[in-house]
């Protein structure tokens, strides 16, 4: 009859016959998928908060004593900030010097989750508005992120350390009078 819940699933098994171990395995798979989704959400919220200049949202993606590290291609340290207040201040200063609209993009994240900890490697690009209003946006930089995250008691995945390594130098767009 319509509205009744069937006694069996599509394989003909009774819902009552699912073993505890099968239910635990299902719960583990669902939890992993939820964690993967939450981590990827953290990666995307990072770029949006940075581009919008939302220093509180951006710094809250880190644990209280989280570290943001920037490296050049040769792994020389360009910047190291630690702790939410310092991170928020850095973003305020960084955005105050921005004159163009830019967009941070994270690409191809590879996640390794181990319980309440995760390692993520991904590519980063930063696209910039062109100073010439009639020219298209351009690729400002490319590189990679190496992230370490933990899952807080509130279920939020936060960076313990985010390392941004620039693999191509910051460049202005090529113009006819440029070298």
Foldseek 3Di string as FASTA:
>chain_A
DPPDDDQADPVRHGPVPQDPVNVVVVVVVVVVVVLVVLVVVLVQQLQVCLLVLVLQSNLVLAPQFAWEWEAEQVRDTPDIFTGSVRSSVVSNVVVVPDDWRKTKDWADWDWDDDPFKIWIKTKIWMWTCAPPVVDHIDTQFIFMKIFIWGQDPVRHIHTNYIYTYTNDHGDHDDDPPDD
